Amino acid sequence: MDYLAQTFHLLRALFPKLVEGFGITVGVGLSAMALALLGSLLLLAPRMAKSRLIRVPVESYIELMRNTPLLLQIYLIYFGLPLLGFFPSEFLCGVVGIALQHTAFLVEILRGGIESISRRQWEAASAIGMRRLATFRYVILPQTLLRVMGPLGNQLIILVKDTSLVSAIGVMELTMVGKMAIERSAVSIEIFMAVAMFYLALTTLLGAVLRLIEQRTAARL
């Protein structure tokens, strides 16, 4: 009972700081998510371009970002930009680092979804007089969204979990708050379990929202 009472007292005292760190985690996650989705949409057309001059640089970027560790990329941004005369905050460096890598994954998910649609549907739409843009908007895009919603949701959940890496550059998000609490209290398992519960709640909520969007999109289409 003494152990449970002490653990409860410790976690209750730590709870406000965990909530504050959780808020920063949510901020990092939402900001990186928005940038990654925007970046993937901007790179989608060049990635699928027929011209190698346009396509190859985007392919090279995707391979570079997918095949190097995210933590290394965050370090390069955080320590490299000051050498070029730029001094962004730790928060911004973390958001940009996460967004740049996940943009590469999201582009490939969207590309795969579009290319999975039969060419016959493009040809059929063209045969009835639909322009290429209209075909993409009304025929290809709705089917693509249904096919990629699952993989897209999984990638966004991974993005949220990757926010823990920004603690390596001093961002006081949830994981960093937990690490500092462990150093001060010498209690590790209990604090890590509490931190894990916060992440579990966040990813569970995100997963539920994405499933709801998928169901409504399917019903609407």
Protein backbone atom coordinates (compact mmCIF):
# COMPACT_ATOMS: atom_id res chain seq x y z
CA MET A 1 0.00 0.00 0.00
CA ASP A 2 2.87 2.35 0.76
CA TYR A 3 4.23 1.76 -2.75
CA LEU A 4 0.86 2.49 -4.37
CA ALA A 5 0.34 5.57 -2.24
CA GLN A 6 3.79 6.92 -3.07
CA THR A 7 3.32 6.21 -6.78
CA PHE A 8 -0.07 7.90 -6.78
CA HIS A 9 1.32 10.93 -4.96
CA LEU A 10 4.24 11.17 -7.41
CA LEU A 11 2.06 10.93 -10.51
CA ARG A 12 -0.49 13.37 -9.13
CA ALA A 13 2.26 15.93 -8.51
CA LEU A 14 3.70 15.29 -11.96
CA PHE A 15 0.35 15.35 -13.79
CA PRO A 16 0.23 19.12 -14.56
CA LYS A 17 3.70 18.98 -16.13
CA LEU A 18 2.75 15.91 -18.16
CA VAL A 19 -0.36 17.70 -19.41
CA GLU A 20 1.76 20.70 -20.40
CA GLY A 21 4.21 18.45 -22.23
CA PHE A 22 1.29 16.63 -23.84
CA GLY A 23 0.01 19.96 -25.19
CA ILE A 24 3.37 20.63 -26.82
CA THR A 25 3.37 17.10 -28.27
CA VAL A 26 -0.04 17.75 -29.79
CA GLY A 27 1.21 21.06 -31.19
CA VAL A 28 4.25 19.43 -32.78
CA GLY A 29 2.14 16.61 -34.18
CA LEU A 30 -0.58 18.79 -35.69
CA SER A 31 1.92 21.27 -37.17
CA ALA A 32 4.07 18.52 -38.70
CA MET A 33 0.95 16.73 -39.97
CA ALA A 34 -0.33 19.84 -41.75
CA LEU A 35 3.06 20.54 -43.34
CA ALA A 36 3.52 16.91 -44.40
CA LEU A 37 0.08 16.72 -46.03
CA LEU A 38 0.64 20.03 -47.82
CA GLY A 39 4.11 18.98 -48.95
CA SER A 40 2.87 15.65 -50.27
CA LEU A 41 0.18 17.36 -52.35
CA LEU A 42 2.73 19.81 -53.77
CA LEU A 43 5.17 17.04 -54.70
CA LEU A 44 2.60 14.61 -56.08
CA ALA A 45 2.39 16.10 -59.57
CA PRO A 46 6.21 16.38 -60.03
CA ARG A 47 6.57 12.82 -58.69
CA MET A 48 4.21 11.52 -61.36
CA ALA A 49 5.50 13.73 -64.18
CA LYS A 50 6.64 12.02 -67.37
CA SER A 51 9.67 14.32 -67.69
CA ARG A 52 12.71 12.83 -65.94
CA LEU A 53 14.04 16.35 -65.39
CA ILE A 54 11.06 17.05 -63.13
CA ARG A 55 10.55 13.59 -61.66
CA VAL A 56 14.11 12.54 -60.74
CA PRO A 57 14.81 15.33 -58.20
CA VAL A 58 11.60 14.47 -56.36
CA GLU A 59 12.42 10.76 -56.46
CA SER A 60 15.90 11.51 -55.09
CA TYR A 61 14.40 13.56 -52.25
CA ILE A 62 11.98 10.75 -51.39
CA GLU A 63 14.73 8.12 -51.33
CA LEU A 64 16.98 10.33 -49.21
CA MET A 65 14.30 11.09 -46.63
CA ARG A 66 12.94 7.54 -46.42
CA ASN A 67 16.34 5.87 -46.11
CA THR A 68 17.99 8.03 -43.44
CA PRO A 69 17.01 8.15 -39.74
CA LEU A 70 14.57 10.85 -38.70
CA LEU A 71 16.65 11.71 -35.63
CA LEU A 72 19.67 12.36 -37.85
CA GLN A 73 17.59 14.63 -40.08
CA ILE A 74 16.37 16.60 -37.06
CA TYR A 75 19.97 16.99 -35.87
CA LEU A 76 21.09 18.20 -39.31
CA ILE A 77 18.36 20.85 -39.33
CA TYR A 78 18.95 21.91 -35.73
CA PHE A 79 22.75 22.11 -35.91
CA GLY A 80 23.10 22.86 -39.63
CA LEU A 81 20.83 25.87 -40.07
CA PRO A 82 22.79 28.06 -37.61
CA LEU A 83 25.87 27.50 -39.79
CA LEU A 84 23.91 29.11 -42.63
CA GLY A 85 22.84 32.05 -40.50
CA PHE A 86 19.37 30.80 -39.57
CA PHE A 87 18.41 30.32 -35.93
CA PRO A 88 14.94 28.71 -35.74
CA SER A 89 13.51 27.51 -32.45
CA GLU A 90 13.81 23.92 -31.29
CA PHE A 91 10.07 23.54 -31.81
CA LEU A 92 10.28 24.67 -35.44
CA CYS A 93 13.29 22.47 -36.17
CA GLY A 94 11.45 19.46 -34.81
CA VAL A 95 8.27 20.19 -36.76
CA VAL A 96 10.15 20.74 -40.04
CA GLY A 97 12.28 17.62 -39.56
CA ILE A 98 9.26 15.39 -38.94
CA ALA A 99 7.27 16.97 -41.77
CA LEU A 100 10.06 16.61 -44.33
CA GLN A 101 10.45 12.90 -43.75
CA HIS A 102 6.77 12.05 -43.60
CA THR A 103 6.11 14.10 -46.73
CA ALA A 104 8.20 11.53 -48.60
CA PHE A 105 6.10 8.64 -47.28
CA LEU A 106 2.78 10.39 -47.92
CA VAL A 107 3.72 11.22 -51.53
CA GLU A 108 4.35 7.55 -52.24
CA ILE A 109 1.08 6.51 -50.58
CA LEU A 110 -0.89 8.97 -52.73
CA ARG A 111 1.00 8.01 -55.88
CA GLY A 112 0.37 4.34 -55.27
CA GLY A 113 -3.33 4.99 -54.74
CA ILE A 114 -3.66 6.96 -57.99
CA GLU A 115 -1.69 4.43 -60.02
CA SER A 116 -3.81 1.58 -58.67
CA ILE A 117 -6.82 2.98 -60.55
CA SER A 118 -7.21 1.29 -63.93
CA ARG A 119 -6.19 3.29 -67.00
CA ARG A 120 -9.48 2.24 -68.54
CA GLN A 121 -11.30 4.67 -66.27
CA TRP A 122 -9.21 7.54 -67.64
CA GLU A 123 -9.96 6.35 -71.17
CA ALA A 124 -13.68 5.91 -70.50
CA ALA A 125 -13.96 9.41 -69.05
CA SER A 126 -12.08 10.83 -72.02
CA ALA A 127 -14.40 8.97 -74.39
CA ILE A 128 -17.46 10.73 -72.97
CA GLY A 129 -15.80 14.14 -73.27
CA MET A 130 -14.49 14.72 -69.74
CA ARG A 131 -11.36 16.81 -69.45
CA ARG A 132 -8.35 15.33 -67.67
CA LEU A 133 -8.69 17.58 -64.60
CA ALA A 134 -12.40 16.81 -64.29
CA THR A 135 -11.66 13.10 -64.65
CA PHE A 136 -9.14 13.27 -61.85
CA ARG A 137 -11.45 15.25 -59.58
CA TYR A 138 -14.70 13.33 -60.08
CA VAL A 139 -13.55 9.82 -61.06
CA ILE A 140 -9.99 9.08 -59.90
CA LEU A 141 -9.66 11.12 -56.70
CA PRO A 142 -12.71 9.70 -54.86
CA GLN A 143 -11.56 6.13 -55.50
CA THR A 144 -8.00 7.01 -54.52
CA LEU A 145 -9.12 8.48 -51.20
CA LEU A 146 -10.95 5.28 -50.30
CA ARG A 147 -7.92 3.14 -51.15
CA VAL A 148 -5.31 5.22 -49.35
CA MET A 149 -7.27 6.21 -46.24
CA GLY A 150 -5.99 3.22 -44.26
CA PRO A 151 -2.27 3.58 -45.15
CA LEU A 152 -2.57 7.36 -44.81
CA GLY A 153 -4.01 7.01 -41.32
CA ASN A 154 -1.27 4.59 -40.30
CA GLN A 155 1.41 7.01 -41.49
CA LEU A 156 -0.12 9.90 -39.56
CA ILE A 157 -0.19 7.80 -36.40
CA ILE A 158 3.51 6.99 -36.91
CA LEU A 159 4.11 10.72 -37.35
CA VAL A 160 2.50 11.43 -33.98
CA LYS A 161 4.67 8.83 -32.27
CA ASP A 162 7.77 10.28 -33.94
CA THR A 163 7.16 13.55 -32.10
CA SER A 164 8.97 11.96 -29.15
CA LEU A 165 12.24 12.41 -31.07
CA VAL A 166 12.14 16.19 -30.74
CA SER A 167 13.06 15.70 -27.08
CA ALA A 168 16.59 15.07 -28.39
CA ILE A 169 16.95 18.78 -29.27
CA GLY A 170 15.44 20.07 -26.04
CA VAL A 171 11.76 20.52 -26.90
CA MET A 172 9.83 20.17 -23.65
CA GLU A 173 7.23 17.79 -25.02
CA LEU A 174 5.78 14.77 -23.25
CA THR A 175 8.80 12.46 -23.49
CA MET A 176 11.22 15.18 -22.38
CA VAL A 177 9.05 15.99 -19.37
CA GLY A 178 9.04 12.31 -18.46
CA LYS A 179 12.83 12.04 -18.80
CA MET A 180 13.41 15.05 -16.56
CA ALA A 181 10.98 13.71 -13.96
CA ILE A 182 12.82 10.38 -13.92
CA GLU A 183 16.16 12.11 -13.40
CA ARG A 184 14.79 14.04 -10.43
CA SER A 185 12.79 11.26 -8.78
CA ALA A 186 14.74 8.13 -9.79
CA VAL A 187 11.37 6.50 -10.58
CA SER A 188 11.34 5.20 -14.14
CA ILE A 189 8.78 2.49 -14.89
CA GLU A 190 5.82 4.32 -13.37
CA ILE A 191 6.59 7.58 -15.17
CA PHE A 192 7.24 5.87 -18.48
CA MET A 193 3.92 4.04 -18.11
CA ALA A 194 2.15 7.36 -17.49
CA VAL A 195 3.81 8.88 -20.56
CA ALA A 196 2.81 5.82 -22.61
CA MET A 197 -0.82 6.26 -21.54
CA PHE A 198 -0.81 9.82 -22.87
CA TYR A 199 0.55 8.66 -26.23
CA LEU A 200 -1.94 5.79 -26.32
CA ALA A 201 -4.83 8.18 -25.70
CA LEU A 202 -3.62 10.52 -28.44
CA THR A 203 -3.07 7.85 -31.10
CA THR A 204 -6.33 6.09 -30.20
CA LEU A 205 -8.25 9.34 -30.63
CA LEU A 206 -6.49 10.06 -33.93
CA GLY A 207 -7.23 6.54 -35.16
CA ALA A 208 -10.91 6.90 -34.25
CA VAL A 209 -11.16 10.24 -36.07
CA LEU A 210 -9.51 8.80 -39.18
CA ARG A 211 -11.83 5.77 -39.17
CA LEU A 212 -14.82 8.09 -38.85
CA ILE A 213 -13.59 10.17 -41.80
CA GLU A 214 -13.07 6.98 -43.82
CA GLN A 215 -16.59 5.71 -43.06
CA ARG A 216 -18.21 9.04 -43.90
CA THR A 217 -16.20 9.35 -47.09
CA ALA A 218 -17.24 5.86 -48.16
CA ALA A 219 -20.89 6.58 -47.36
CA ARG A 220 -20.81 9.89 -49.21
CA LEU A 221 -19.24 8.37 -52.32
